[in-house]
All heavy atoms as atom14 arrays in JSON, in Angstrom:
{
  "sequence": "DGTNILVTYNGKSFDVPLINTRHKLHGMSPLFGKDTFTHIDMLPMAR",
  "atom14_mask": [
    [1, 1, 1, 1, 1, 1, 1, 1, 0, 0, 0, 0, 0, 0],
    [1, 1, 1, 1, 0, 0, 0, 0, 0, 0, 0, 0, 0, 0],
    [1, 1, 1, 1, 1, 1, 1, 0, 0, 0, 0, 0, 0, 0],
    [1, 1, 1, 1, 1, 1, 1, 1, 0, 0, 0, 0, 0, 0],
    [1, 1, 1, 1, 1, 1, 1, 1, 0, 0, 0, 0, 0, 0],
    [1, 1, 1, 1, 1, 1, 1, 1, 0, 0, 0, 0, 0, 0],
    [1, 1, 1, 1, 1, 1, 1, 0, 0, 0, 0, 0, 0, 0],
    [1, 1, 1, 1, 1, 1, 1, 0, 0, 0, 0, 0, 0, 0],
    [1, 1, 1, 1, 1, 1, 1, 1, 1, 1, 1, 1, 0, 0],
    [1, 1, 1, 1, 1, 1, 1, 1, 0, 0, 0, 0, 0, 0],
    [1, 1, 1, 1, 0, 0, 0, 0, 0, 0, 0, 0, 0, 0],
    [1, 1, 1, 1, 1, 1, 1, 1, 1, 0, 0, 0, 0, 0],
    [1, 1, 1, 1, 1, 1, 0, 0, 0, 0, 0, 0, 0, 0],
    [1, 1, 1, 1, 1, 1, 1, 1, 1, 1, 1, 0, 0, 0],
    [1, 1, 1, 1, 1, 1, 1, 1, 0, 0, 0, 0, 0, 0],
    [1, 1, 1, 1, 1, 1, 1, 0, 0, 0, 0, 0, 0, 0],
    [1, 1, 1, 1, 1, 1, 1, 0, 0, 0, 0, 0, 0, 0],
    [1, 1, 1, 1, 1, 1, 1, 1, 0, 0, 0, 0, 0, 0],
    [1, 1, 1, 1, 1, 1, 1, 1, 0, 0, 0, 0, 0, 0],
    [1, 1, 1, 1, 1, 1, 1, 1, 0, 0, 0, 0, 0, 0],
    [1, 1, 1, 1, 1, 1, 1, 0, 0, 0, 0, 0, 0, 0],
    [1, 1, 1, 1, 1, 1, 1, 1, 1, 1, 1, 0, 0, 0],
    [1, 1, 1, 1, 1, 1, 1, 1, 1, 1, 0, 0, 0, 0],
    [1, 1, 1, 1, 1, 1, 1, 1, 1, 0, 0, 0, 0, 0],
    [1, 1, 1, 1, 1, 1, 1, 1, 0, 0, 0, 0, 0, 0],
    [1, 1, 1, 1, 1, 1, 1, 1, 1, 1, 0, 0, 0, 0],
    [1, 1, 1, 1, 0, 0, 0, 0, 0, 0, 0, 0, 0, 0],
    [1, 1, 1, 1, 1, 1, 1, 1, 0, 0, 0, 0, 0, 0],
    [1, 1, 1, 1, 1, 1, 0, 0, 0, 0, 0, 0, 0, 0],
    [1, 1, 1, 1, 1, 1, 1, 0, 0, 0, 0, 0, 0, 0],
    [1, 1, 1, 1, 1, 1, 1, 1, 0, 0, 0, 0, 0, 0],
    [1, 1, 1, 1, 1, 1, 1, 1, 1, 1, 1, 0, 0, 0],
    [1, 1, 1, 1, 0, 0, 0, 0, 0, 0, 0, 0, 0, 0],
    [1, 1, 1, 1, 1, 1, 1, 1, 1, 0, 0, 0, 0, 0],
    [1, 1, 1, 1, 1, 1, 1, 1, 0, 0, 0, 0, 0, 0],
    [1, 1, 1, 1, 1, 1, 1, 0, 0, 0, 0, 0, 0, 0],
    [1, 1, 1, 1, 1, 1, 1, 1, 1, 1, 1, 0, 0, 0],
    [1, 1, 1, 1, 1, 1, 1, 0, 0, 0, 0, 0, 0, 0],
    [1, 1, 1, 1, 1, 1, 1, 1, 1, 1, 0, 0, 0, 0],
    [1, 1, 1, 1, 1, 1, 1, 1, 0, 0, 0, 0, 0, 0],
    [1, 1, 1, 1, 1, 1, 1, 1, 0, 0, 0, 0, 0, 0],
    [1, 1, 1, 1, 1, 1, 1, 1, 0, 0, 0, 0, 0, 0],
    [1, 1, 1, 1, 1, 1, 1, 1, 0, 0, 0, 0, 0, 0],
    [1, 1, 1, 1, 1, 1, 1, 0, 0, 0, 0, 0, 0, 0],
    [1, 1, 1, 1, 1, 1, 1, 1, 0, 0, 0, 0, 0, 0],
    [1, 1, 1, 1, 1, 0, 0, 0, 0, 0, 0, 0, 0, 0],
    [1, 1, 1, 1, 1, 1, 1, 1, 1, 1, 1, 0, 0, 0]
  ],
  "atom14_positions": [
    [[-15.74, 1.65, 4.13], [-16.78, 2.48, 4.61], [-17.41, 1.76, 5.83], [-17.83, 0.66, 5.86], [-17.78, 2.76, 3.6], [-18.93, 3.65, 4.08], [-18.62, 4.7, 4.64], [-20.05, 3.37, 3.81], [0.0, 0.0, 0.0], [0.0, 0.0, 0.0], [0.0, 0.0, 0.0], [0.0, 0.0, 0.0], [0.0, 0.0, 0.0], [0.0, 0.0, 0.0]],
    [[-17.64, 2.5, 6.96], [-18.18, 2.03, 8.16], [-17.19, 1.42, 9.08], [-17.56, 1.06, 10.19], [0.0, 0.0, 0.0], [0.0, 0.0, 0.0], [0.0, 0.0, 0.0], [0.0, 0.0, 0.0], [0.0, 0.0, 0.0], [0.0, 0.0, 0.0], [0.0, 0.0, 0.0], [0.0, 0.0, 0.0], [0.0, 0.0, 0.0], [0.0, 0.0, 0.0]],
    [[-15.85, 1.45, 8.77], [-14.88, 0.96, 9.69], [-14.27, 2.23, 10.32], [-14.12, 3.29, 9.76], [-13.83, 0.14, 9.04], [-13.2, 0.92, 8.11], [-14.41, -1.13, 8.32], [0.0, 0.0, 0.0], [0.0, 0.0, 0.0], [0.0, 0.0, 0.0], [0.0, 0.0, 0.0], [0.0, 0.0, 0.0], [0.0, 0.0, 0.0], [0.0, 0.0, 0.0]],
    [[-13.72, 2.11, 11.49], [-13.01, 3.21, 12.08], [-11.76, 2.87, 12.89], [-11.26, 3.66, 13.72], [-13.93, 3.96, 13.1], [-14.49, 3.08, 14.17], [-14.03, 1.95, 14.35], [-15.62, 3.53, 14.83], [0.0, 0.0, 0.0], [0.0, 0.0, 0.0], [0.0, 0.0, 0.0], [0.0, 0.0, 0.0], [0.0, 0.0, 0.0], [0.0, 0.0, 0.0]],
    [[-11.22, 1.7, 12.67], [-9.94, 1.2, 13.3], [-9.01, 0.66, 12.18], [-9.45, -0.14, 11.4], [-10.17, 0.12, 14.39], [-11.01, 0.67, 15.45], [-8.78, -0.35, 14.94], [-11.49, -0.38, 16.55], [0.0, 0.0, 0.0], [0.0, 0.0, 0.0], [0.0, 0.0, 0.0], [0.0, 0.0, 0.0], [0.0, 0.0, 0.0], [0.0, 0.0, 0.0]],
    [[-7.88, 1.15, 12.1], [-6.9, 0.83, 11.09], [-5.72, 0.3, 11.79], [-5.11, 0.92, 12.76], [-6.52, 2.12, 10.27], [-5.35, 1.81, 9.31], [-5.79, 0.87, 8.06], [-4.88, 3.17, 8.74], [0.0, 0.0, 0.0], [0.0, 0.0, 0.0], [0.0, 0.0, 0.0], [0.0, 0.0, 0.0], [0.0, 0.0, 0.0], [0.0, 0.0, 0.0]],
    [[-5.25, -0.99, 11.41], [-4.02, -1.58, 11.9], [-3.06, -1.75, 10.82], [-3.35, -2.24, 9.63], [-4.31, -2.93, 12.48], [-3.09, -3.58, 13.11], [-5.43, -2.87, 13.61], [0.0, 0.0, 0.0], [0.0, 0.0, 0.0], [0.0, 0.0, 0.0], [0.0, 0.0, 0.0], [0.0, 0.0, 0.0], [0.0, 0.0, 0.0], [0.0, 0.0, 0.0]],
    [[-1.79, -1.15, 11.06], [-0.77, -1.26, 10.01], [0.63, -1.62, 10.55], [0.73, -1.79, 11.82], [-0.63, 0.14, 9.22], [0.0, 1.05, 10.29], [-1.9, 0.64, 8.74], [0.0, 0.0, 0.0], [0.0, 0.0, 0.0], [0.0, 0.0, 0.0], [0.0, 0.0, 0.0], [0.0, 0.0, 0.0], [0.0, 0.0, 0.0], [0.0, 0.0, 0.0]],
    [[1.54, -1.71, 9.73], [2.93, -1.99, 10.21], [3.81, -0.98, 9.51], [3.98, -1.07, 8.37], [3.38, -3.42, 9.82], [4.51, -3.88, 10.69], [4.23, -4.44, 11.95], [5.86, -3.84, 10.4], [5.15, -4.88, 12.85], [6.85, -4.21, 11.29], [6.54, -4.66, 12.5], [7.55, -5.13, 13.3], [0.0, 0.0, 0.0], [0.0, 0.0, 0.0]],
    [[4.09, 0.02, 10.26], [4.93, 1.26, 9.78], [3.89, 2.12, 8.88], [4.42, 2.87, 8.09], [6.17, 0.88, 8.95], [7.1, 2.05, 8.74], [7.17, 2.91, 9.71], [7.67, 2.1, 7.64], [0.0, 0.0, 0.0], [0.0, 0.0, 0.0], [0.0, 0.0, 0.0], [0.0, 0.0, 0.0], [0.0, 0.0, 0.0], [0.0, 0.0, 0.0]],
    [[2.6, 1.92, 9.17], [1.65, 2.74, 8.36], [1.64, 4.2, 8.64], [1.31, 4.98, 7.74], [0.0, 0.0, 0.0], [0.0, 0.0, 0.0], [0.0, 0.0, 0.0], [0.0, 0.0, 0.0], [0.0, 0.0, 0.0], [0.0, 0.0, 0.0], [0.0, 0.0, 0.0], [0.0, 0.0, 0.0], [0.0, 0.0, 0.0], [0.0, 0.0, 0.0]],
    [[2.05, 4.68, 9.79], [2.12, 6.05, 10.15], [3.12, 6.77, 9.29], [2.89, 7.96, 8.9], [2.27, 6.28, 11.62], [1.14, 5.89, 12.46], [1.26, 6.32, 13.98], [0.03, 5.97, 14.81], [0.16, 6.3, 16.19], [0.0, 0.0, 0.0], [0.0, 0.0, 0.0], [0.0, 0.0, 0.0], [0.0, 0.0, 0.0], [0.0, 0.0, 0.0]],
    [[4.19, 6.07, 9.01], [5.25, 6.66, 8.14], [5.06, 6.45, 6.65], [5.59, 7.26, 5.81], [6.64, 6.09, 8.56], [6.95, 6.43, 9.95], [0.0, 0.0, 0.0], [0.0, 0.0, 0.0], [0.0, 0.0, 0.0], [0.0, 0.0, 0.0], [0.0, 0.0, 0.0], [0.0, 0.0, 0.0], [0.0, 0.0, 0.0], [0.0, 0.0, 0.0]],
    [[4.39, 5.43, 6.33], [4.29, 5.13, 4.81], [2.89, 5.03, 4.27], [2.49, 5.81, 3.56], [5.04, 3.83, 4.52], [5.16, 3.52, 3.12], [5.89, 4.15, 2.18], [4.28, 2.57, 2.55], [5.86, 3.8, 0.77], [4.26, 2.23, 1.19], [5.1, 2.93, 0.28], [0.0, 0.0, 0.0], [0.0, 0.0, 0.0], [0.0, 0.0, 0.0]],
    [[2.13, 3.97, 4.69], [0.9, 3.74, 4.16], [-0.1, 4.86, 4.1], [-0.72, 5.27, 3.19], [0.2, 2.43, 4.58], [1.15, 1.23, 4.68], [2.14, 1.15, 5.41], [0.93, 0.41, 3.77], [0.0, 0.0, 0.0], [0.0, 0.0, 0.0], [0.0, 0.0, 0.0], [0.0, 0.0, 0.0], [0.0, 0.0, 0.0], [0.0, 0.0, 0.0]],
    [[-0.38, 5.33, 5.39], [-1.41, 6.4, 5.54], [-1.03, 7.64, 4.79], [-1.76, 8.24, 4.08], [-1.65, 6.6, 7.05], [-2.42, 7.96, 7.18], [-2.39, 5.41, 7.57], [0.0, 0.0, 0.0], [0.0, 0.0, 0.0], [0.0, 0.0, 0.0], [0.0, 0.0, 0.0], [0.0, 0.0, 0.0], [0.0, 0.0, 0.0], [0.0, 0.0, 0.0]],
    [[0.22, 8.28, 4.94], [0.57, 9.4, 4.17], [0.39, 9.17, 2.71], [0.0, 10.13, 1.99], [1.99, 9.73, 4.62], [2.16, 9.06, 6.01], [1.26, 7.79, 5.8], [0.0, 0.0, 0.0], [0.0, 0.0, 0.0], [0.0, 0.0, 0.0], [0.0, 0.0, 0.0], [0.0, 0.0, 0.0], [0.0, 0.0, 0.0], [0.0, 0.0, 0.0]],
    [[0.75, 7.97, 2.21], [0.77, 7.8, 0.7], [-0.69, 7.84, 0.28], [-1.02, 8.42, -0.62], [1.4, 6.47, 0.38], [1.32, 5.99, -1.05], [1.96, 6.99, -1.97], [1.97, 4.56, -1.17], [0.0, 0.0, 0.0], [0.0, 0.0, 0.0], [0.0, 0.0, 0.0], [0.0, 0.0, 0.0], [0.0, 0.0, 0.0], [0.0, 0.0, 0.0]],
    [[-1.57, 7.04, 0.95], [-2.91, 7.0, 0.61], [-3.6, 8.31, 0.74], [-4.34, 8.68, -0.26], [-3.71, 5.99, 1.46], [-3.22, 4.59, 1.17], [-5.18, 6.01, 1.1], [-3.55, 3.95, -0.21], [0.0, 0.0, 0.0], [0.0, 0.0, 0.0], [0.0, 0.0, 0.0], [0.0, 0.0, 0.0], [0.0, 0.0, 0.0], [0.0, 0.0, 0.0]],
    [[-3.32, 9.14, 1.64], [-3.96, 10.47, 1.83], [-3.4, 11.35, 0.76], [-4.18, 12.19, 0.15], [-3.71, 10.99, 3.24], [-4.52, 10.37, 4.25], [-5.55, 9.67, 3.88], [-4.18, 10.55, 5.41], [0.0, 0.0, 0.0], [0.0, 0.0, 0.0], [0.0, 0.0, 0.0], [0.0, 0.0, 0.0], [0.0, 0.0, 0.0], [0.0, 0.0, 0.0]],
    [[-2.14, 11.23, 0.42], [-1.65, 12.11, -0.73], [-2.17, 11.79, -2.0], [-2.54, 12.63, -2.76], [0.03, 11.89, -0.78], [0.61, 12.29, 0.35], [0.49, 12.65, -2.01], [0.0, 0.0, 0.0], [0.0, 0.0, 0.0], [0.0, 0.0, 0.0], [0.0, 0.0, 0.0], [0.0, 0.0, 0.0], [0.0, 0.0, 0.0], [0.0, 0.0, 0.0]],
    [[-2.44, 10.56, -2.29], [-3.09, 10.14, -3.6], [-4.52, 10.65, -3.65], [-4.98, 11.08, -4.75], [-3.02, 8.63, -3.77], [-1.61, 8.0, -3.76], [-0.54, 8.69, -4.57], [-0.83, 8.73, -6.01], [-0.14, 9.35, -6.95], [1.09, 10.0, -6.5], [-0.49, 9.3, -8.17], [0.0, 0.0, 0.0], [0.0, 0.0, 0.0], [0.0, 0.0, 0.0]],
    [[-5.16, 10.59, -2.62], [-6.53, 11.18, -2.47], [-6.51, 12.63, -2.86], [-7.37, 13.15, -3.61], [-7.18, 10.92, -1.1], [-7.82, 9.63, -0.89], [-7.16, 8.44, -0.92], [-9.12, 9.3, -0.93], [-8.01, 7.38, -0.82], [-9.12, 7.83, -0.86], [0.0, 0.0, 0.0], [0.0, 0.0, 0.0], [0.0, 0.0, 0.0], [0.0, 0.0, 0.0]],
    [[-5.64, 13.47, -2.31], [-5.6, 14.82, -2.46], [-5.22, 15.19, -3.92], [-5.82, 16.06, -4.5], [-4.49, 15.42, -1.57], [-4.79, 15.5, -0.12], [-3.66, 16.05, 0.71], [-3.97, 16.08, 2.2], [-2.94, 16.69, 3.06], [0.0, 0.0, 0.0], [0.0, 0.0, 0.0], [0.0, 0.0, 0.0], [0.0, 0.0, 0.0], [0.0, 0.0, 0.0]],
    [[-4.31, 14.36, -4.46], [-3.94, 14.63, -5.87], [-5.1, 14.43, -6.9], [-5.15, 15.07, -7.93], [-2.77, 13.7, -6.27], [-1.37, 14.04, -5.65], [-0.44, 12.97, -6.01], [-0.99, 15.36, -6.18], [0.0, 0.0, 0.0], [0.0, 0.0, 0.0], [0.0, 0.0, 0.0], [0.0, 0.0, 0.0], [0.0, 0.0, 0.0], [0.0, 0.0, 0.0]],
    [[-6.03, 13.57, -6.46], [-7.22, 13.43, -7.34], [-8.49, 14.27, -6.84], [-9.63, 13.85, -7.25], [-7.5, 11.85, -7.32], [-6.48, 11.07, -8.12], [-6.46, 11.2, -9.47], [-5.46, 10.32, -7.75], [-5.36, 10.31, -9.84], [-4.88, 9.86, -8.73], [0.0, 0.0, 0.0], [0.0, 0.0, 0.0], [0.0, 0.0, 0.0], [0.0, 0.0, 0.0]],
    [[-8.17, 15.23, -6.02], [-9.3, 16.03, -5.59], [-10.2, 15.44, -4.55], [-11.36, 15.89, -4.4], [0.0, 0.0, 0.0], [0.0, 0.0, 0.0], [0.0, 0.0, 0.0], [0.0, 0.0, 0.0], [0.0, 0.0, 0.0], [0.0, 0.0, 0.0], [0.0, 0.0, 0.0], [0.0, 0.0, 0.0], [0.0, 0.0, 0.0], [0.0, 0.0, 0.0]],
    [[-9.77, 14.42, -3.9], [-10.61, 13.65, -2.91], [-10.15, 14.09, -1.55], [-9.04, 14.54, -1.25], [-10.42, 12.04, -3.06], [-10.72, 11.45, -4.31], [-10.41, 9.76, -4.34], [-10.88, 9.39, -6.13], [0.0, 0.0, 0.0], [0.0, 0.0, 0.0], [0.0, 0.0, 0.0], [0.0, 0.0, 0.0], [0.0, 0.0, 0.0], [0.0, 0.0, 0.0]],
    [[-11.0, 13.95, -0.59], [-10.73, 14.21, 0.88], [-9.82, 13.13, 1.4], [-10.04, 12.01, 0.94], [-11.98, 14.31, 1.76], [-12.81, 15.31, 1.27], [0.0, 0.0, 0.0], [0.0, 0.0, 0.0], [0.0, 0.0, 0.0], [0.0, 0.0, 0.0], [0.0, 0.0, 0.0], [0.0, 0.0, 0.0], [0.0, 0.0, 0.0], [0.0, 0.0, 0.0]],
    [[-8.76, 13.5, 2.21], [-7.91, 12.4, 2.73], [-8.78, 11.38, 3.38], [-9.76, 11.67, 4.16], [-7.09, 13.26, 3.8], [-7.15, 14.66, 3.34], [-8.42, 14.82, 2.71], [0.0, 0.0, 0.0], [0.0, 0.0, 0.0], [0.0, 0.0, 0.0], [0.0, 0.0, 0.0], [0.0, 0.0, 0.0], [0.0, 0.0, 0.0], [0.0, 0.0, 0.0]],
    [[-8.39, 10.14, 3.22], [-9.18, 9.01, 3.68], [-9.01, 8.72, 5.08], [-9.98, 8.52, 5.85], [-8.91, 7.7, 2.9], [-9.54, 6.41, 3.17], [-11.15, 6.61, 3.01], [-9.1, 5.22, 2.4], [0.0, 0.0, 0.0], [0.0, 0.0, 0.0], [0.0, 0.0, 0.0], [0.0, 0.0, 0.0], [0.0, 0.0, 0.0], [0.0, 0.0, 0.0]],
    [[-7.81, 8.69, 5.67], [-7.52, 8.35, 6.98], [-7.23, 9.64, 7.8], [-6.11, 10.09, 7.96], [-6.33, 7.26, 7.02], [-6.54, 6.02, 6.28], [-5.74, 5.75, 5.26], [-7.61, 5.11, 6.73], [-5.99, 4.53, 4.57], [-7.81, 4.04, 6.07], [-6.99, 3.68, 4.95], [0.0, 0.0, 0.0], [0.0, 0.0, 0.0], [0.0, 0.0, 0.0]],
    [[-8.26, 10.13, 8.43], [-8.07, 11.4, 9.09], [-8.04, 10.99, 10.66], [-8.56, 9.92, 11.15], [0.0, 0.0, 0.0], [0.0, 0.0, 0.0], [0.0, 0.0, 0.0], [0.0, 0.0, 0.0], [0.0, 0.0, 0.0], [0.0, 0.0, 0.0], [0.0, 0.0, 0.0], [0.0, 0.0, 0.0], [0.0, 0.0, 0.0], [0.0, 0.0, 0.0]],
    [[-7.32, 11.77, 11.46], [-7.23, 11.53, 12.94], [-8.57, 11.44, 13.66], [-8.7, 10.78, 14.55], [-6.29, 12.58, 13.53], [-4.83, 12.61, 13.05], [-4.12, 13.75, 13.69], [-2.53, 13.67, 13.42], [-1.77, 14.7, 13.95], [0.0, 0.0, 0.0], [0.0, 0.0, 0.0], [0.0, 0.0, 0.0], [0.0, 0.0, 0.0], [0.0, 0.0, 0.0]],
    [[-9.51, 12.28, 13.14], [-10.86, 12.29, 13.7], [-11.72, 11.18, 13.26], [-12.79, 10.94, 13.89], [-11.54, 13.63, 13.44], [-10.82, 14.76, 13.93], [-10.04, 14.56, 15.03], [-10.8, 15.89, 13.38], [0.0, 0.0, 0.0], [0.0, 0.0, 0.0], [0.0, 0.0, 0.0], [0.0, 0.0, 0.0], [0.0, 0.0, 0.0], [0.0, 0.0, 0.0]],
    [[-11.38, 10.47, 12.13], [-12.26, 9.45, 11.72], [-11.83, 7.95, 11.91], [-12.48, 7.01, 11.86], [-12.47, 9.61, 10.16], [-11.21, 9.73, 9.58], [-13.12, 10.87, 9.87], [0.0, 0.0, 0.0], [0.0, 0.0, 0.0], [0.0, 0.0, 0.0], [0.0, 0.0, 0.0], [0.0, 0.0, 0.0], [0.0, 0.0, 0.0], [0.0, 0.0, 0.0]],
    [[-10.4, 7.78, 12.09], [-9.89, 6.53, 12.36], [-8.89, 6.44, 13.52], [-8.13, 7.33, 13.77], [-9.02, 6.11, 11.11], [-9.79, 5.46, 10.02], [-10.39, 6.19, 9.11], [-9.86, 4.13, 9.94], [-11.18, 5.63, 8.09], [-10.68, 3.53, 8.95], [-11.24, 4.24, 8.01], [0.0, 0.0, 0.0], [0.0, 0.0, 0.0], [0.0, 0.0, 0.0]],
    [[-9.04, 5.35, 14.22], [-8.13, 5.03, 15.28], [-7.02, 4.17, 14.66], [-7.28, 3.1, 14.28], [-8.71, 4.18, 16.46], [-9.66, 4.99, 17.18], [-7.73, 3.81, 17.51], [0.0, 0.0, 0.0], [0.0, 0.0, 0.0], [0.0, 0.0, 0.0], [0.0, 0.0, 0.0], [0.0, 0.0, 0.0], [0.0, 0.0, 0.0], [0.0, 0.0, 0.0]],
    [[-5.84, 4.66, 14.65], [-4.76, 4.06, 13.85], [-3.81, 3.35, 14.87], [-3.2, 3.92, 15.68], [-4.07, 5.03, 13.12], [-2.95, 4.41, 12.25], [-2.08, 5.25, 11.31], [-2.5, 3.16, 11.98], [-1.27, 4.41, 10.73], [-1.53, 3.17, 11.13], [0.0, 0.0, 0.0], [0.0, 0.0, 0.0], [0.0, 0.0, 0.0], [0.0, 0.0, 0.0]],
    [[-3.72, 2.07, 14.74], [-2.81, 1.14, 15.49], [-1.66, 0.76, 14.61], [-1.77, -0.08, 13.75], [-3.52, 0.03, 16.12], [-4.67, 0.46, 17.03], [-2.51, -0.72, 16.94], [-5.61, -0.68, 17.39], [0.0, 0.0, 0.0], [0.0, 0.0, 0.0], [0.0, 0.0, 0.0], [0.0, 0.0, 0.0], [0.0, 0.0, 0.0], [0.0, 0.0, 0.0]],
    [[-0.54, 1.38, 14.82], [0.65, 1.04, 14.09], [1.41, -0.09, 14.87], [2.0, 0.36, 15.96], [1.62, 2.33, 13.76], [2.62, 1.96, 12.8], [3.13, 0.75, 12.68], [3.17, 3.05, 12.17], [0.0, 0.0, 0.0], [0.0, 0.0, 0.0], [0.0, 0.0, 0.0], [0.0, 0.0, 0.0], [0.0, 0.0, 0.0], [0.0, 0.0, 0.0]],
    [[1.6, -1.23, 14.43], [2.22, -2.2, 15.12], [3.73, -2.13, 15.26], [4.35, -2.79, 16.19], [1.8, -3.58, 14.66], [0.34, -3.86, 14.79], [-0.12, -4.12, 16.63], [0.87, -5.48, 17.09], [0.0, 0.0, 0.0], [0.0, 0.0, 0.0], [0.0, 0.0, 0.0], [0.0, 0.0, 0.0], [0.0, 0.0, 0.0], [0.0, 0.0, 0.0]],
    [[4.43, -1.41, 14.42], [5.85, -1.27, 14.45], [6.36, -0.74, 15.71], [7.32, -1.33, 16.37], [6.41, -0.52, 13.27], [7.86, -0.32, 13.2], [8.57, -1.7, 13.29], [8.3, 0.52, 11.91], [0.0, 0.0, 0.0], [0.0, 0.0, 0.0], [0.0, 0.0, 0.0], [0.0, 0.0, 0.0], [0.0, 0.0, 0.0], [0.0, 0.0, 0.0]],
    [[5.8, 0.42, 16.22], [6.33, 0.9, 17.5], [6.15, -0.08, 18.64], [7.08, -0.02, 19.54], [5.52, 2.23, 17.69], [5.16, 2.5, 16.34], [4.95, 1.34, 15.58], [0.0, 0.0, 0.0], [0.0, 0.0, 0.0], [0.0, 0.0, 0.0], [0.0, 0.0, 0.0], [0.0, 0.0, 0.0], [0.0, 0.0, 0.0], [0.0, 0.0, 0.0]],
    [[5.01, -0.75, 18.71], [4.93, -1.73, 19.7], [5.86, -2.9, 19.67], [6.34, -3.37, 20.64], [3.39, -2.22, 19.77], [3.02, -3.29, 20.83], [3.31, -2.49, 22.48], [2.1, -1.2, 22.59], [0.0, 0.0, 0.0], [0.0, 0.0, 0.0], [0.0, 0.0, 0.0], [0.0, 0.0, 0.0], [0.0, 0.0, 0.0], [0.0, 0.0, 0.0]],
    [[6.07, -3.31, 18.37], [7.06, -4.42, 18.3], [8.37, -4.07, 18.7], [9.16, -4.86, 19.35], [7.01, -4.87, 16.79], [0.0, 0.0, 0.0], [0.0, 0.0, 0.0], [0.0, 0.0, 0.0], [0.0, 0.0, 0.0], [0.0, 0.0, 0.0], [0.0, 0.0, 0.0], [0.0, 0.0, 0.0], [0.0, 0.0, 0.0], [0.0, 0.0, 0.0]],
    [[8.83, -2.72, 18.53], [10.03, -2.27, 18.89], [10.16, -2.23, 20.44], [11.09, -2.62, 21.07], [10.29, -0.9, 18.37], [10.58, -0.82, 16.88], [10.69, 0.6, 16.4], [11.18, 0.65, 15.04], [11.01, 1.63, 14.22], [10.34, 2.79, 14.63], [11.47, 1.67, 13.02], [0.0, 0.0, 0.0], [0.0, 0.0, 0.0], [0.0, 0.0, 0.0]]
  ]
}
């Protein structure tokens, strides 16, 4: 809570969709929304 930048490694394909899916399954709002987080996935840059 209070953070708005997320750094992952292949998170756009795995971590973020997984976490958001689990939130939905439990009736929660998706955690990592495009309007709430700047997502920096380091895998594309490493490539």
